[in-house]
Protein backbone atom coordinates (compact mmCIF):
# COMPACT_ATOMS: atom_id res chain seq x y z
CA MET A 1 69.21 75.23 82.47
CA ILE A 2 71.27 76.96 85.26
CA THR A 3 69.14 79.21 87.02
CA PRO A 4 70.28 81.56 89.79
CA ARG A 5 68.92 79.41 92.15
CA LEU A 6 70.66 76.19 91.00
CA LYS A 7 74.08 78.48 90.44
CA THR A 8 73.88 79.50 94.29
CA VAL A 9 73.56 75.93 95.20
CA ILE A 10 76.65 75.15 92.94
CA ASN A 11 78.46 78.07 94.35
CA ASN A 12 78.20 76.37 97.70
CA VAL A 13 79.86 73.03 96.87
CA LYS A 14 83.37 72.77 98.20
CA HIS A 15 84.35 69.05 97.44
CA LYS A 16 84.91 66.91 94.52
CA LYS A 17 82.80 63.85 95.44
CA ILE A 18 79.13 64.83 95.26
CA ALA A 19 75.81 63.41 95.55
CA ASP A 20 72.72 65.12 94.00
CA ILE A 21 69.59 63.82 95.77
CA GLY A 22 66.26 64.34 93.52
CA THR A 23 68.44 65.30 90.56
CA ASP A 24 65.54 65.65 87.97
CA HIS A 25 67.31 66.51 84.58
CA ALA A 26 70.89 66.34 86.03
CA TYR A 27 71.60 70.09 85.40
CA ILE A 28 73.76 70.47 88.74
CA PRO A 29 75.85 67.31 88.04
CA ILE A 30 76.37 67.97 84.40
CA PHE A 31 77.58 71.77 85.33
CA LEU A 32 79.72 70.36 88.00
CA ALA A 33 81.56 67.87 85.73
CA GLU A 34 81.74 70.09 82.80
CA LYS A 35 83.50 72.91 84.74
CA ASN A 36 85.78 70.16 86.61
CA LEU A 37 84.14 71.27 89.91
CA ALA A 38 83.81 67.54 90.73
CA ASP A 39 85.44 64.49 90.02
CA ARG A 40 82.40 62.09 90.58
CA VAL A 41 78.72 62.94 91.18
CA ILE A 42 76.05 60.58 92.06
CA ALA A 43 72.78 61.69 90.64
CA THR A 44 69.74 60.07 92.04
CA ASP A 45 66.06 60.38 91.66
CA ILE A 46 63.03 58.39 93.02
CA ASN A 47 61.23 58.43 89.61
CA GLU A 48 62.34 56.54 86.41
CA GLY A 49 61.00 59.29 84.17
CA PRO A 50 63.40 62.26 85.46
CA LEU A 51 66.37 59.68 85.80
CA SER A 52 65.95 58.53 82.20
CA ILE A 53 66.04 62.04 80.95
CA ALA A 54 69.00 62.78 83.30
CA GLN A 55 70.71 59.76 81.90
CA ALA A 56 70.24 61.10 78.41
CA ASN A 57 71.43 64.28 78.97
CA ILE A 58 74.59 63.06 80.67
CA GLU A 59 75.24 60.81 77.60
CA LYS A 60 74.60 63.61 75.15
CA LYS A 61 77.39 65.45 77.12
CA GLY A 62 79.67 62.52 77.24
CA LEU A 63 79.91 62.76 81.13
CA GLY A 64 79.22 59.16 81.88
CA ASN A 65 82.80 58.45 83.15
CA LYS A 66 82.15 61.17 85.78
CA ILE A 67 78.27 61.01 86.57
CA GLU A 68 76.33 57.79 87.75
CA THR A 69 72.65 57.74 88.14
CA ARG A 70 70.85 55.89 90.71
CA LEU A 71 67.23 54.91 91.02
CA GLY A 72 65.89 55.32 94.60
CA GLY A 73 64.55 57.47 97.33
CA GLY A 74 66.65 59.77 99.47
CA LEU A 75 69.88 58.82 100.93
CA SER A 76 69.19 55.04 100.57
CA VAL A 77 71.25 54.61 97.39
CA ILE A 78 74.19 56.11 98.58
CA ARG A 79 76.67 54.63 101.15
CA ALA A 80 77.97 56.55 104.27
CA GLY A 81 81.12 58.46 103.29
CA GLU A 82 80.63 58.03 99.40
CA ALA A 83 79.92 61.60 98.78
CA ASP A 84 81.77 64.68 100.67
CA ASP A 85 78.87 67.02 99.73
CA ILE A 86 75.32 65.90 99.43
CA ILE A 87 73.01 68.13 97.59
CA ILE A 88 69.17 67.98 98.46
CA ALA A 89 67.54 71.03 96.64
CA GLY A 90 64.09 71.94 95.29
CA MET A 91 62.10 70.11 97.82
CA GLY A 92 59.96 71.41 100.96
CA GLY A 93 61.99 71.64 104.23
CA ILE A 94 60.00 69.10 105.94
CA LEU A 95 60.71 66.51 103.37
CA ILE A 96 64.25 67.37 103.30
CA SER A 97 64.26 66.99 107.11
CA GLU A 98 62.51 63.33 106.46
CA ILE A 99 65.07 62.44 103.86
CA ILE A 100 67.97 63.23 106.40
CA ASP A 101 66.11 61.52 109.28
CA ARG A 102 65.70 58.18 107.45
CA ASP A 103 69.45 57.75 106.81
CA ILE A 104 70.88 60.32 109.34
CA ASP A 105 74.05 58.18 109.72
CA THR A 106 74.71 58.55 106.11
CA ALA A 107 74.07 62.19 106.29
CA LYS A 108 76.18 62.83 109.27
CA GLN A 109 79.14 61.49 107.26
CA SER A 110 79.00 64.41 104.60
CA ARG A 111 78.49 68.07 104.31
CA LEU A 112 74.94 68.84 103.32
CA ILE A 113 73.81 71.63 100.91
CA LEU A 114 70.19 72.09 101.38
CA GLN A 115 67.63 74.38 99.39
CA PRO A 116 64.34 74.24 100.86
CA MET A 117 61.38 75.47 98.80
CA ASN A 118 59.53 76.19 101.98
CA ALA A 119 59.48 75.34 105.73
CA GLN A 120 62.99 76.80 106.29
CA TYR A 121 61.84 77.43 109.95
CA GLU A 122 61.20 73.65 110.48
CA LEU A 123 64.20 72.58 108.79
CA ARG A 124 66.67 74.84 110.85
CA LYS A 125 64.80 73.57 114.00
CA TYR A 126 65.29 69.83 112.85
CA LEU A 127 69.14 70.21 112.21
CA LEU A 128 69.88 71.98 115.39
CA SER A 129 67.81 69.39 117.39
CA HIS A 130 69.32 66.38 115.83
CA GLY A 131 73.17 66.66 116.01
CA PHE A 132 73.96 69.18 112.87
CA LYS A 133 75.24 72.57 112.71
CA ILE A 134 74.52 75.10 110.20
CA THR A 135 77.91 76.11 108.76
CA GLY A 136 76.64 78.71 106.30
CA GLU A 137 73.58 80.25 104.39
CA ASP A 138 73.07 81.91 101.08
CA LEU A 139 70.29 83.48 99.12
CA ALA A 140 69.29 83.30 95.68
CA VAL A 141 66.73 85.54 93.87
CA GLU A 142 64.58 84.75 90.86
CA GLY A 143 61.94 87.52 90.21
CA PHE A 144 59.86 87.80 93.44
CA LYS A 145 60.98 84.57 94.65
CA VAL A 146 63.81 84.11 97.21
CA TYR A 147 65.49 80.95 97.93
CA ASN A 148 67.61 79.89 101.12
CA ILE A 149 70.38 77.63 100.71
CA ILE A 150 71.65 76.15 103.90
CA THR A 151 74.88 74.21 104.51
CA ALA A 152 75.22 71.88 107.52
CA GLU A 153 77.31 69.19 108.83
CA ARG A 154 77.57 67.03 111.89
CA GLY A 155 78.29 68.92 115.06
CA GLU A 156 76.81 70.98 117.90
CA MET A 157 75.34 74.49 117.63
CA GLU A 158 73.93 76.78 120.23
CA PRO A 159 70.18 77.41 119.54
CA PHE A 160 69.07 80.67 118.12
CA GLU A 161 68.12 83.23 120.64
CA THR A 162 64.73 83.60 119.73
CA ASP A 163 62.06 81.62 117.82
CA PHE A 164 61.87 84.23 115.11
CA GLU A 165 65.50 83.91 114.14
CA TYR A 166 64.63 80.15 112.97
CA GLN A 167 62.58 82.21 110.36
CA ILE A 168 64.91 84.85 109.66
CA PRO A 169 68.74 84.29 111.15
CA LYS A 170 70.46 87.46 112.27
CA TYR A 171 73.83 86.16 110.35
CA LEU A 172 71.69 87.12 106.96
CA ALA A 173 71.26 90.54 107.85
CA GLU A 174 74.52 91.54 105.64
CA HIS A 175 73.65 89.33 102.62
CA LYS A 176 72.76 91.62 99.41
CA TYR A 177 69.38 89.80 99.21
CA PHE A 178 68.41 90.28 102.86
CA LYS A 179 65.83 93.05 101.98
CA ASP A 180 64.14 90.77 99.22
CA LEU A 181 64.16 87.81 101.87
CA CYS A 182 62.32 90.29 104.48
CA ARG A 183 59.82 91.29 101.75
CA LYS A 184 59.09 87.56 100.83
CA LYS A 185 58.60 86.91 104.65
CA ARG A 186 56.33 89.88 105.14
CA ARG A 187 54.10 88.72 102.32
CA GLU A 188 54.21 85.10 103.63
CA PHE A 189 53.29 86.30 107.07
CA THR A 190 50.77 88.72 106.15
CA LYS A 191 48.77 86.10 103.67
CA VAL A 192 48.58 83.58 106.40
CA ILE A 193 47.40 86.17 109.25
CA LYS A 194 44.71 87.52 106.77
CA GLY A 195 43.64 83.77 105.97
CA LEU A 196 43.38 83.00 109.42
CA GLU A 197 41.34 86.05 110.19
CA HIS A 198 38.88 85.03 107.75
CA SER A 199 38.68 81.23 108.54
CA GLY A 200 36.44 79.37 110.87
CA GLY A 201 37.69 77.17 113.66
CA ASP A 202 40.23 77.73 116.44
CA HIS A 203 43.56 78.76 115.12
CA ALA A 204 44.57 80.99 118.00
CA GLU A 205 47.90 79.66 118.56
CA LYS A 206 49.09 79.82 114.95
CA TYR A 207 47.67 83.08 114.58
CA GLU A 208 49.43 84.40 117.52
CA LYS A 209 52.74 82.99 116.19
CA TYR A 210 52.57 84.58 112.90
CA LYS A 211 51.51 87.80 114.65
CA TYR A 212 54.64 87.60 116.74
CA TRP A 213 56.91 86.77 113.70
CA LYS A 214 55.32 89.68 111.75
CA GLY A 215 55.97 91.99 114.95
CA GLU A 216 59.57 90.89 115.03
CA LEU A 217 59.98 91.54 111.12
CA ASP A 218 58.85 95.11 111.70
CA LYS A 219 61.71 95.39 114.23
CA TYR A 220 64.23 94.07 111.87
CA GLU A 221 63.17 96.23 108.92
CA GLY A 222 62.77 99.43 111.28
């Protein structure tokens, strides 16, 4: 099933040789192959169960000549330069950073399409401090959920002007779902701040950071 989130990931594919890391049921590879948006897709997963389902779905569609499944974690199962676009979607931003970092030379040979479920701030920080430049960013909305799709590749990029921009970059301001993103971030910041106000222990630094981010968001929306 191609949801708005997955469709937005697909819309950011540019090349014909693709690797889909953590493919789950292979919905993205199947769509790409069926629509002739890819000549070859490597669909990987760390777990045998999802990968066997993916393989069954691929065979059902008769796409075994275009899609190859591989069992293994992260980028370890593909070779540098084997895929022009590498998709890593539906995982946490910190996990995505760790996957890239473990095989950074492989990652730097390809264009990355990243869809973090959380920790977008940390992922942007990682990319800019490890020799990647963000080449584009898109948004998808499903109900109250807002998803970031970040494209990146090897290169240098100037750091964002403020720490807050690692949360909400200025370049997203013209996106049709920008207000949805701001509302999502307001809910997120408010929830953390209230939680810290009612928790024990010393969380002063985290509390001040979230208060700063919420204040900057007020300026964005004002």
